[in-house]
């Protein structure tokens, strides 16, 4: 029963971003890369560091309320994700030497598949020029209408104070 209480406390103590699919997928990806046991030490190190970078950049960007900061961390995570896929693809000719166990080969293939599936979740396409133009026009119209309303209020208050 004490074990159940500890688990319940751990679940309640989680941050909201930890329940997001992208967080869970990045965490699983890091575990799969670690389990892949790439034979080439340099590629193993590079793939492990890239998988950790994907996960940690998402962890840093997800809770941020600032759009530019989120985009910065998501772009870094996306770059690390592509680096990870490259390292795993480069290690693929050595798949026979990854591990004697077939499970390690399967883990490497799963890690690559998970990384490719995670990519669209991490990236966010830049708005098209047409969309940017429409947003700018909307903001300009909004600010003009605000300015005209403010000027109308000033004029009304001046005329009401001038007239006894």
N, C-alpha and C. Protein backbone atom coordinates (compact mmCIF):
# COMPACT_ATOMS: atom_id res chain seq x y z
N UNK A 1 0.81 -1.19 0.00
CA UNK A 1 0.00 0.00 0.00
C UNK A 1 0.87 1.26 0.00
N UNK A 2 2.00 1.24 0.70
CA UNK A 2 2.89 2.39 0.73
C UNK A 2 3.45 2.67 -0.67
N UNK A 3 3.72 1.59 -1.42
CA UNK A 3 4.22 1.75 -2.78
C UNK A 3 3.19 2.46 -3.66
N UNK A 4 1.92 2.14 -3.50
CA UNK A 4 0.86 2.77 -4.26
C UNK A 4 0.77 4.25 -3.94
N UNK A 5 0.96 4.62 -2.69
CA UNK A 5 0.91 6.02 -2.29
C UNK A 5 2.08 6.79 -2.90
N UNK A 6 3.25 6.19 -2.95
CA UNK A 6 4.41 6.84 -3.55
C UNK A 6 4.16 7.10 -5.03
N UNK A 7 3.62 6.14 -5.74
CA UNK A 7 3.33 6.31 -7.17
C UNK A 7 2.30 7.42 -7.35
N UNK A 8 1.27 7.46 -6.52
CA UNK A 8 0.24 8.50 -6.62
C UNK A 8 0.84 9.88 -6.40
N UNK A 9 1.75 10.00 -5.46
CA UNK A 9 2.40 11.28 -5.20
C UNK A 9 3.25 11.68 -6.39
N UNK A 10 3.96 10.73 -6.99
CA UNK A 10 4.79 11.02 -8.16
C UNK A 10 3.94 11.50 -9.33
N UNK A 11 2.79 10.88 -9.55
CA UNK A 11 1.92 11.28 -10.66
C UNK A 11 1.36 12.68 -10.42
N UNK A 12 0.98 12.99 -9.18
CA UNK A 12 0.44 14.30 -8.86
C UNK A 12 1.50 15.39 -8.95
N UNK A 13 2.77 15.05 -8.71
CA UNK A 13 3.84 16.03 -8.69
C UNK A 13 4.38 16.33 -10.08
N UNK A 14 3.81 15.76 -11.11
CA UNK A 14 4.29 15.98 -12.48
C UNK A 14 3.89 17.36 -12.97
N UNK A 15 4.71 17.90 -13.86
CA UNK A 15 4.37 19.15 -14.52
C UNK A 15 3.39 18.86 -15.66
N UNK A 16 2.58 19.82 -16.04
CA UNK A 16 1.58 19.57 -17.10
C UNK A 16 2.20 19.13 -18.43
N UNK A 17 3.38 19.68 -18.78
CA UNK A 17 3.97 19.33 -20.07
C UNK A 17 4.44 17.88 -20.13
N UNK A 18 4.59 17.24 -18.95
CA UNK A 18 5.07 15.86 -18.92
C UNK A 18 4.02 14.86 -19.40
N UNK A 19 2.80 15.29 -19.55
CA UNK A 19 1.76 14.38 -20.05
C UNK A 19 1.55 14.53 -21.56
N UNK A 20 2.26 15.46 -22.19
CA UNK A 20 2.12 15.66 -23.64
C UNK A 20 2.75 14.51 -24.41
N UNK A 21 2.15 14.19 -25.55
CA UNK A 21 2.64 13.09 -26.39
C UNK A 21 4.08 13.31 -26.83
N UNK A 22 4.43 14.54 -27.19
CA UNK A 22 5.78 14.81 -27.68
C UNK A 22 6.81 14.58 -26.58
N UNK A 23 6.47 14.89 -25.35
CA UNK A 23 7.36 14.65 -24.22
C UNK A 23 7.58 13.15 -24.03
N UNK A 24 6.49 12.40 -24.04
CA UNK A 24 6.56 10.95 -23.86
C UNK A 24 7.35 10.31 -25.00
N UNK A 25 7.10 10.76 -26.23
CA UNK A 25 7.80 10.20 -27.39
C UNK A 25 9.30 10.50 -27.33
N UNK A 26 9.66 11.71 -26.95
CA UNK A 26 11.08 12.07 -26.85
C UNK A 26 11.77 11.28 -25.75
N UNK A 27 11.06 11.05 -24.67
CA UNK A 27 11.64 10.26 -23.58
C UNK A 27 11.85 8.80 -24.01
N UNK A 28 10.86 8.24 -24.70
CA UNK A 28 11.00 6.87 -25.21
C UNK A 28 12.13 6.79 -26.24
N UNK A 29 12.24 7.82 -27.06
CA UNK A 29 13.31 7.85 -28.06
C UNK A 29 14.68 7.80 -27.38
N UNK A 30 14.87 8.60 -26.35
CA UNK A 30 16.15 8.61 -25.64
C UNK A 30 16.44 7.23 -25.04
N UNK A 31 15.42 6.58 -24.50
CA UNK A 31 15.62 5.24 -23.93
C UNK A 31 15.94 4.22 -25.02
N UNK A 32 15.29 4.32 -26.18
CA UNK A 32 15.56 3.39 -27.28
C UNK A 32 16.97 3.57 -27.82
N UNK A 33 17.42 4.82 -27.93
CA UNK A 33 18.78 5.07 -28.43
C UNK A 33 19.79 4.50 -27.45
N UNK A 34 19.54 4.66 -26.18
CA UNK A 34 20.45 4.11 -25.17
C UNK A 34 20.47 2.58 -25.25
N UNK A 35 19.29 1.99 -25.50
CA UNK A 35 19.21 0.53 -25.57
C UNK A 35 19.78 -0.03 -26.88
N UNK A 36 19.95 0.81 -27.88
CA UNK A 36 20.41 0.34 -29.19
C UNK A 36 21.85 -0.18 -29.16
N UNK A 37 22.66 0.32 -28.28
CA UNK A 37 24.04 -0.13 -28.12
C UNK A 37 24.81 -0.12 -29.46
N UNK A 38 24.89 1.04 -30.05
CA UNK A 38 25.63 1.20 -31.30
C UNK A 38 27.08 0.82 -31.05
N UNK A 39 27.65 0.00 -31.93
CA UNK A 39 29.01 -0.52 -31.73
C UNK A 39 30.07 0.57 -31.86
N UNK A 40 29.92 1.45 -32.82
CA UNK A 40 30.89 2.52 -33.04
C UNK A 40 30.77 3.50 -31.87
N UNK A 41 31.84 3.66 -31.10
CA UNK A 41 31.81 4.48 -29.89
C UNK A 41 31.46 5.94 -30.18
N UNK A 42 32.03 6.49 -31.26
CA UNK A 42 31.75 7.89 -31.60
C UNK A 42 30.29 8.08 -31.99
N UNK A 43 29.78 7.18 -32.83
CA UNK A 43 28.37 7.29 -33.23
C UNK A 43 27.43 7.05 -32.05
N UNK A 44 27.80 6.12 -31.18
CA UNK A 44 26.98 5.86 -30.00
C UNK A 44 26.92 7.11 -29.13
N UNK A 45 28.08 7.75 -28.90
CA UNK A 45 28.14 8.96 -28.09
C UNK A 45 27.33 10.09 -28.74
N UNK A 46 27.50 10.25 -30.06
CA UNK A 46 26.80 11.31 -30.79
C UNK A 46 25.29 11.08 -30.75
N UNK A 47 24.86 9.86 -30.99
CA UNK A 47 23.43 9.54 -30.99
C UNK A 47 22.83 9.72 -29.60
N UNK A 48 23.55 9.29 -28.58
CA UNK A 48 23.05 9.44 -27.21
C UNK A 48 22.93 10.90 -26.82
N UNK A 49 23.96 11.68 -27.14
CA UNK A 49 23.92 13.11 -26.81
C UNK A 49 22.81 13.82 -27.59
N UNK A 50 22.62 13.46 -28.86
CA UNK A 50 21.56 14.08 -29.66
C UNK A 50 20.18 13.73 -29.11
N UNK A 51 19.99 12.47 -28.70
CA UNK A 51 18.69 12.06 -28.14
C UNK A 51 18.41 12.81 -26.84
N UNK A 52 19.43 12.96 -26.02
CA UNK A 52 19.26 13.72 -24.78
C UNK A 52 18.97 15.19 -25.08
N UNK A 53 19.63 15.72 -26.09
CA UNK A 53 19.42 17.11 -26.47
C UNK A 53 17.99 17.35 -26.96
N UNK A 54 17.45 16.40 -27.75
CA UNK A 54 16.06 16.51 -28.19
C UNK A 54 15.15 16.60 -26.98
N UNK A 55 15.32 15.67 -26.06
CA UNK A 55 14.46 15.60 -24.89
C UNK A 55 14.60 16.84 -24.01
N UNK A 56 15.82 17.24 -23.73
CA UNK A 56 16.04 18.37 -22.81
C UNK A 56 15.62 19.70 -23.42
N UNK A 57 15.81 19.88 -24.73
CA UNK A 57 15.34 21.12 -25.36
C UNK A 57 13.81 21.20 -25.36
N UNK A 58 13.16 20.06 -25.57
CA UNK A 58 11.70 20.05 -25.47
C UNK A 58 11.26 20.38 -24.04
N UNK A 59 11.95 19.81 -23.06
CA UNK A 59 11.62 20.08 -21.66
C UNK A 59 11.79 21.55 -21.33
N UNK A 60 12.76 22.19 -21.93
CA UNK A 60 12.99 23.60 -21.66
C UNK A 60 12.01 24.49 -22.43
N UNK A 61 11.62 24.08 -23.62
CA UNK A 61 10.74 24.91 -24.44
C UNK A 61 9.25 24.74 -24.16
N UNK A 62 8.82 23.54 -23.80
CA UNK A 62 7.38 23.29 -23.62
C UNK A 62 6.72 24.17 -22.57
N UNK A 63 7.28 24.35 -21.39
CA UNK A 63 6.58 25.15 -20.40
C UNK A 63 6.68 26.66 -20.61
N UNK A 64 7.49 27.10 -21.55
CA UNK A 64 7.70 28.53 -21.77
C UNK A 64 6.44 29.19 -22.35
N UNK A 65 6.12 30.37 -21.83
CA UNK A 65 4.98 31.13 -22.35
C UNK A 65 5.39 32.03 -23.50
N UNK A 66 6.68 32.22 -23.67
CA UNK A 66 7.19 33.10 -24.72
C UNK A 66 7.30 32.34 -26.04
N UNK A 67 6.59 32.82 -27.06
CA UNK A 67 6.63 32.18 -28.37
C UNK A 67 8.03 32.08 -28.96
N UNK A 68 8.79 33.19 -28.96
CA UNK A 68 10.15 33.11 -29.51
C UNK A 68 11.06 32.12 -28.78
N UNK A 69 10.92 32.03 -27.47
CA UNK A 69 11.75 31.07 -26.71
C UNK A 69 11.34 29.64 -27.04
N UNK A 70 10.04 29.39 -27.17
CA UNK A 70 9.57 28.05 -27.53
C UNK A 70 10.12 27.67 -28.90
N UNK A 71 10.01 28.60 -29.87
CA UNK A 71 10.51 28.32 -31.22
C UNK A 71 12.01 28.03 -31.20
N UNK A 72 12.75 28.79 -30.39
CA UNK A 72 14.20 28.58 -30.30
C UNK A 72 14.51 27.16 -29.82
N UNK A 73 13.86 26.75 -28.74
CA UNK A 73 14.13 25.43 -28.19
C UNK A 73 13.60 24.32 -29.09
N UNK A 74 12.47 24.55 -29.76
CA UNK A 74 11.94 23.55 -30.68
C UNK A 74 12.86 23.41 -31.89
N UNK A 75 13.43 24.54 -32.35
CA UNK A 75 14.37 24.47 -33.48
C UNK A 75 15.62 23.70 -33.08
N UNK A 76 16.11 23.93 -31.87
CA UNK A 76 17.29 23.19 -31.40
C UNK A 76 16.96 21.69 -31.27
N UNK A 77 15.78 21.39 -30.74
CA UNK A 77 15.37 19.99 -30.61
C UNK A 77 15.25 19.34 -31.99
N UNK A 78 14.70 20.08 -32.94
CA UNK A 78 14.56 19.55 -34.30
C UNK A 78 15.93 19.29 -34.93
N UNK A 79 16.87 20.20 -34.74
CA UNK A 79 18.22 19.99 -35.25
C UNK A 79 18.87 18.76 -34.64
N UNK A 80 18.72 18.61 -33.34
CA UNK A 80 19.28 17.44 -32.65
C UNK A 80 18.59 16.16 -33.12
N UNK A 81 17.30 16.25 -33.38
CA UNK A 81 16.56 15.09 -33.86
C UNK A 81 17.11 14.62 -35.21
N UNK A 82 17.38 15.57 -36.10
CA UNK A 82 17.93 15.21 -37.41
C UNK A 82 19.36 14.69 -37.28
N UNK A 83 20.10 15.24 -36.34
CA UNK A 83 21.45 14.73 -36.07
C UNK A 83 21.38 13.28 -35.57
N UNK A 84 20.42 13.01 -34.73
CA UNK A 84 20.23 11.66 -34.21
C UNK A 84 19.89 10.68 -35.32
N UNK A 85 18.97 11.07 -36.19
CA UNK A 85 18.61 10.19 -37.32
C UNK A 85 19.83 9.93 -38.19
N UNK A 86 20.63 10.97 -38.43
CA UNK A 86 21.84 10.80 -39.23
C UNK A 86 22.83 9.84 -38.57
N UNK A 87 23.01 9.97 -37.27
CA UNK A 87 23.93 9.08 -36.56
C UNK A 87 23.45 7.63 -36.62
N UNK A 88 22.13 7.44 -36.44
CA UNK A 88 21.59 6.07 -36.50
C UNK A 88 21.66 5.50 -37.92
N UNK A 89 21.41 6.36 -38.92
CA UNK A 89 21.52 5.89 -40.30
C UNK A 89 22.96 5.55 -40.64
N UNK A 90 23.90 6.34 -40.14
CA UNK A 90 25.31 6.06 -40.39
C UNK A 90 25.74 4.78 -39.71
N UNK A 91 25.13 4.49 -38.58
CA UNK A 91 25.46 3.26 -37.85
C UNK A 91 24.78 2.04 -38.46
N UNK A 92 23.79 2.24 -39.33
CA UNK A 92 23.02 1.11 -39.86
C UNK A 92 23.85 0.10 -40.65
N UNK A 93 24.92 0.49 -41.41
CA UNK A 93 25.72 -0.55 -42.04
C UNK A 93 26.41 -1.45 -41.02
N UNK A 94 26.57 -0.92 -39.82
CA UNK A 94 27.22 -1.68 -38.76
C UNK A 94 26.20 -2.38 -37.88
N UNK A 95 24.97 -2.47 -38.34
CA UNK A 95 23.92 -3.04 -37.49
C UNK A 95 24.24 -4.45 -37.03
N UNK A 96 24.95 -5.17 -37.85
CA UNK A 96 25.31 -6.53 -37.43
C UNK A 96 26.23 -6.46 -36.22
N UNK A 97 27.02 -5.39 -36.14
CA UNK A 97 27.96 -5.27 -35.03
C UNK A 97 27.39 -4.45 -33.87
N UNK A 98 26.15 -3.97 -34.01
CA UNK A 98 25.57 -3.18 -32.93
C UNK A 98 25.53 -3.99 -31.65
N UNK A 99 25.05 -5.18 -31.74
CA UNK A 99 24.99 -6.06 -30.59
C UNK A 99 24.76 -7.46 -31.11
N UNK A 100 25.16 -8.42 -30.35
CA UNK A 100 24.90 -9.80 -30.77
C UNK A 100 23.44 -10.13 -30.60
N UNK A 101 22.76 -9.43 -29.72
CA UNK A 101 21.33 -9.69 -29.51
C UNK A 101 20.52 -9.02 -30.59
N UNK A 102 19.50 -9.69 -31.08
CA UNK A 102 18.63 -9.11 -32.09
C UNK A 102 17.82 -7.96 -31.51
N UNK A 103 17.62 -7.94 -30.22
CA UNK A 103 16.85 -6.87 -29.58
C UNK A 103 17.51 -5.51 -29.79
N UNK A 104 18.82 -5.47 -29.77
CA UNK A 104 19.51 -4.19 -29.96
C UNK A 104 19.28 -3.68 -31.37
N UNK A 105 19.28 -4.56 -32.35
CA UNK A 105 19.00 -4.16 -33.72
C UNK A 105 17.58 -3.63 -33.85
N UNK A 106 16.65 -4.30 -33.20
CA UNK A 106 15.26 -3.86 -33.21
C UNK A 106 15.14 -2.52 -32.51
N UNK A 107 15.87 -2.33 -31.40
CA UNK A 107 15.82 -1.06 -30.67
C UNK A 107 16.34 0.08 -31.53
N UNK A 108 17.40 -0.17 -32.31
CA UNK A 108 17.93 0.86 -33.19
C UNK A 108 16.93 1.21 -34.27
N UNK A 109 16.28 0.20 -34.85
CA UNK A 109 15.27 0.46 -35.87
C UNK A 109 14.08 1.21 -35.27
N UNK A 110 13.69 0.83 -34.07
CA UNK A 110 12.58 1.53 -33.40
C UNK A 110 12.96 2.97 -33.08
N UNK A 111 14.20 3.18 -32.65
CA UNK A 111 14.65 4.54 -32.34
C UNK A 111 14.61 5.41 -33.59
N UNK A 112 15.05 4.88 -34.71
CA UNK A 112 15.01 5.63 -35.96
C UNK A 112 13.57 5.93 -36.35
N UNK A 113 12.70 4.94 -36.26
CA UNK A 113 11.29 5.15 -36.60
C UNK A 113 10.65 6.16 -35.65
N UNK A 114 10.96 6.08 -34.37
CA UNK A 114 10.41 7.01 -33.38
C UNK A 114 10.90 8.43 -33.67
N UNK A 115 12.17 8.55 -34.04
CA UNK A 115 12.72 9.87 -34.35
C UNK A 115 12.04 10.48 -35.56
N UNK A 116 11.80 9.68 -36.58
CA UNK A 116 11.12 10.19 -37.77
C UNK A 116 9.67 10.55 -37.47
N UNK A 117 9.02 9.80 -36.61
CA UNK A 117 7.64 10.11 -36.22
C UNK A 117 7.58 11.35 -35.35
N UNK A 118 8.62 11.61 -34.58
CA UNK A 118 8.65 12.76 -33.68
C UNK A 118 8.90 14.06 -34.43
N UNK A 119 9.56 14.00 -35.56
CA UNK A 119 9.95 15.20 -36.29
C UNK A 119 8.80 16.16 -36.59
N UNK A 120 7.66 15.71 -37.12
CA UNK A 120 6.59 16.68 -37.38
C UNK A 120 6.02 17.30 -36.11
N UNK A 121 6.14 16.64 -34.98
CA UNK A 121 5.63 17.19 -33.73
C UNK A 121 6.53 18.29 -33.19
N UNK A 122 7.81 18.21 -33.50
CA UNK A 122 8.77 19.18 -32.99
C UNK A 122 8.78 20.43 -33.85
N UNK A 123 8.65 20.24 -35.15
CA UNK A 123 8.75 21.38 -36.06
C UNK A 123 7.40 22.08 -36.18
N UNK A 124 7.47 23.33 -36.49
CA UNK A 124 6.27 24.11 -36.76
C UNK A 124 6.57 24.93 -37.99
N UNK A 125 5.83 24.73 -39.07
CA UNK A 125 6.17 25.45 -40.30
C UNK A 125 6.03 26.96 -40.12
N UNK A 126 6.91 27.68 -40.78
CA UNK A 126 6.84 29.14 -40.74
C UNK A 126 5.61 29.60 -41.51
N UNK A 127 4.97 30.68 -41.05
CA UNK A 127 3.79 31.14 -41.76
C UNK A 127 4.16 31.63 -43.16
N UNK A 128 3.25 31.41 -44.08
CA UNK A 128 3.50 31.84 -45.46
C UNK A 128 3.46 33.36 -45.54
N UNK A 129 3.97 33.91 -46.62
CA UNK A 129 3.98 35.36 -46.82
C UNK A 129 2.54 35.89 -46.84
N UNK A 130 1.64 35.14 -47.43
CA UNK A 130 0.24 35.57 -47.51
C UNK A 130 -0.37 35.64 -46.11
N UNK A 131 -0.08 34.66 -45.28
CA UNK A 131 -0.60 34.65 -43.91
C UNK A 131 0.00 35.81 -43.10
N UNK A 132 1.31 36.03 -43.26
CA UNK A 132 1.95 37.15 -42.55
C UNK A 132 1.31 38.48 -42.95
N UNK A 133 1.04 38.64 -44.26
CA UNK A 133 0.41 39.86 -44.77
C UNK A 133 -0.98 40.04 -44.16
N UNK A 134 -1.75 38.96 -44.10
CA UNK A 134 -3.10 39.02 -43.54
C UNK A 134 -3.05 39.39 -42.05
N UNK A 135 -2.11 38.79 -41.31
CA UNK A 135 -1.98 39.10 -39.89
C UNK A 135 -1.57 40.55 -39.67
N UNK A 136 -0.65 41.05 -40.51
CA UNK A 136 -0.21 42.43 -40.40
C UNK A 136 -1.36 43.38 -40.70
N UNK A 137 -2.13 43.08 -41.74
CA UNK A 137 -3.27 43.92 -42.09
C UNK A 137 -4.29 43.95 -40.97
N UNK A 138 -4.53 42.80 -40.36
CA UNK A 138 -5.48 42.72 -39.24
C UNK A 138 -5.00 43.54 -38.05
N UNK A 139 -3.72 43.44 -37.74
CA UNK A 139 -3.17 44.20 -36.62
C UNK A 139 -3.21 45.70 -36.91
N UNK A 140 -2.91 46.08 -38.16
CA UNK A 140 -2.93 47.49 -38.53
C UNK A 140 -4.33 48.06 -38.41
N UNK A 141 -5.32 47.32 -38.89
CA UNK A 141 -6.71 47.77 -38.81
C UNK A 141 -7.14 47.89 -37.36
N UNK A 142 -6.73 46.95 -36.56
CA UNK A 142 -7.08 46.96 -35.14
C UNK A 142 -6.47 48.17 -34.44
N UNK A 143 -5.22 48.46 -34.73
CA UNK A 143 -4.57 49.60 -34.08
C UNK A 143 -5.15 50.91 -34.59
N UNK A 144 -5.54 50.98 -35.88
CA UNK A 144 -6.18 52.19 -36.40
C UNK A 144 -7.52 52.42 -35.74
N UNK A 145 -8.31 51.37 -35.58
CA UNK A 145 -9.62 51.54 -34.96
C UNK A 145 -9.47 51.92 -33.50
N UNK A 146 -8.46 51.41 -32.81
CA UNK A 146 -8.20 51.79 -31.43
C UNK A 146 -7.82 53.26 -31.35
N UNK A 147 -6.97 53.70 -32.28
CA UNK A 147 -6.54 55.10 -32.29
C UNK A 147 -7.73 56.02 -32.58
N UNK A 148 -8.60 55.64 -33.50
CA UNK A 148 -9.76 56.49 -33.81
C UNK A 148 -10.73 56.53 -32.63
N UNK A 149 -10.91 55.41 -31.93
CA UNK A 149 -11.78 55.40 -30.75
C UNK A 149 -11.21 56.28 -29.65
N UNK A 150 -9.90 56.24 -29.46
CA UNK A 150 -9.24 57.06 -28.44
C UNK A 150 -9.39 58.53 -28.77
N UNK A 151 -9.19 58.87 -30.03
CA UNK A 151 -9.34 60.26 -30.46
C UNK A 151 -10.77 60.74 -30.29
N UNK A 152 -11.75 59.89 -30.59
CA UNK A 152 -13.16 60.25 -30.42
C UNK A 152 -13.46 60.50 -28.95
N UNK A 153 -12.91 59.71 -28.06
CA UNK A 153 -13.12 59.92 -26.63
C UNK A 153 -12.51 61.24 -26.16
N UNK A 154 -11.31 61.53 -26.65
CA UNK A 154 -10.67 62.79 -26.28
C UNK A 154 -11.49 63.98 -26.75
N UNK A 155 -11.96 63.91 -27.98
CA UNK A 155 -12.77 65.00 -28.53
C UNK A 155 -14.06 65.16 -27.73
N UNK A 156 -14.69 64.05 -27.40
CA UNK A 156 -15.95 64.11 -26.63
C UNK A 156 -15.70 64.67 -25.24
N UNK A 157 -14.61 64.30 -24.60
CA UNK A 157 -14.33 64.82 -23.26
C UNK A 157 -13.98 66.31 -23.32
N UNK A 158 -13.29 66.75 -24.36
CA UNK A 158 -12.97 68.17 -24.50
C UNK A 158 -14.24 68.99 -24.72
N UNK A 159 -15.13 68.47 -25.56
CA UNK A 159 -16.35 69.22 -25.85
C UNK A 159 -17.28 69.24 -24.64
N UNK A 160 -17.29 68.19 -23.85
CA UNK A 160 -18.15 68.17 -22.68
C UNK A 160 -17.61 69.07 -21.57
N UNK A 161 -16.28 69.20 -21.47
CA UNK A 161 -15.71 70.09 -20.46
C UNK A 161 -15.78 71.53 -20.91
N UNK A 162 -15.76 71.80 -22.20
CA UNK A 162 -15.82 73.17 -22.73
C UNK A 162 -17.23 73.72 -22.62
N UNK A 163 -18.25 72.88 -22.72
CA UNK A 163 -19.64 73.32 -22.67
C UNK A 163 -20.12 73.26 -21.22
N UNK A 164 -20.59 74.40 -20.65
CA UNK A 164 -21.04 74.39 -19.27
C UNK A 164 -22.37 73.72 -19.08
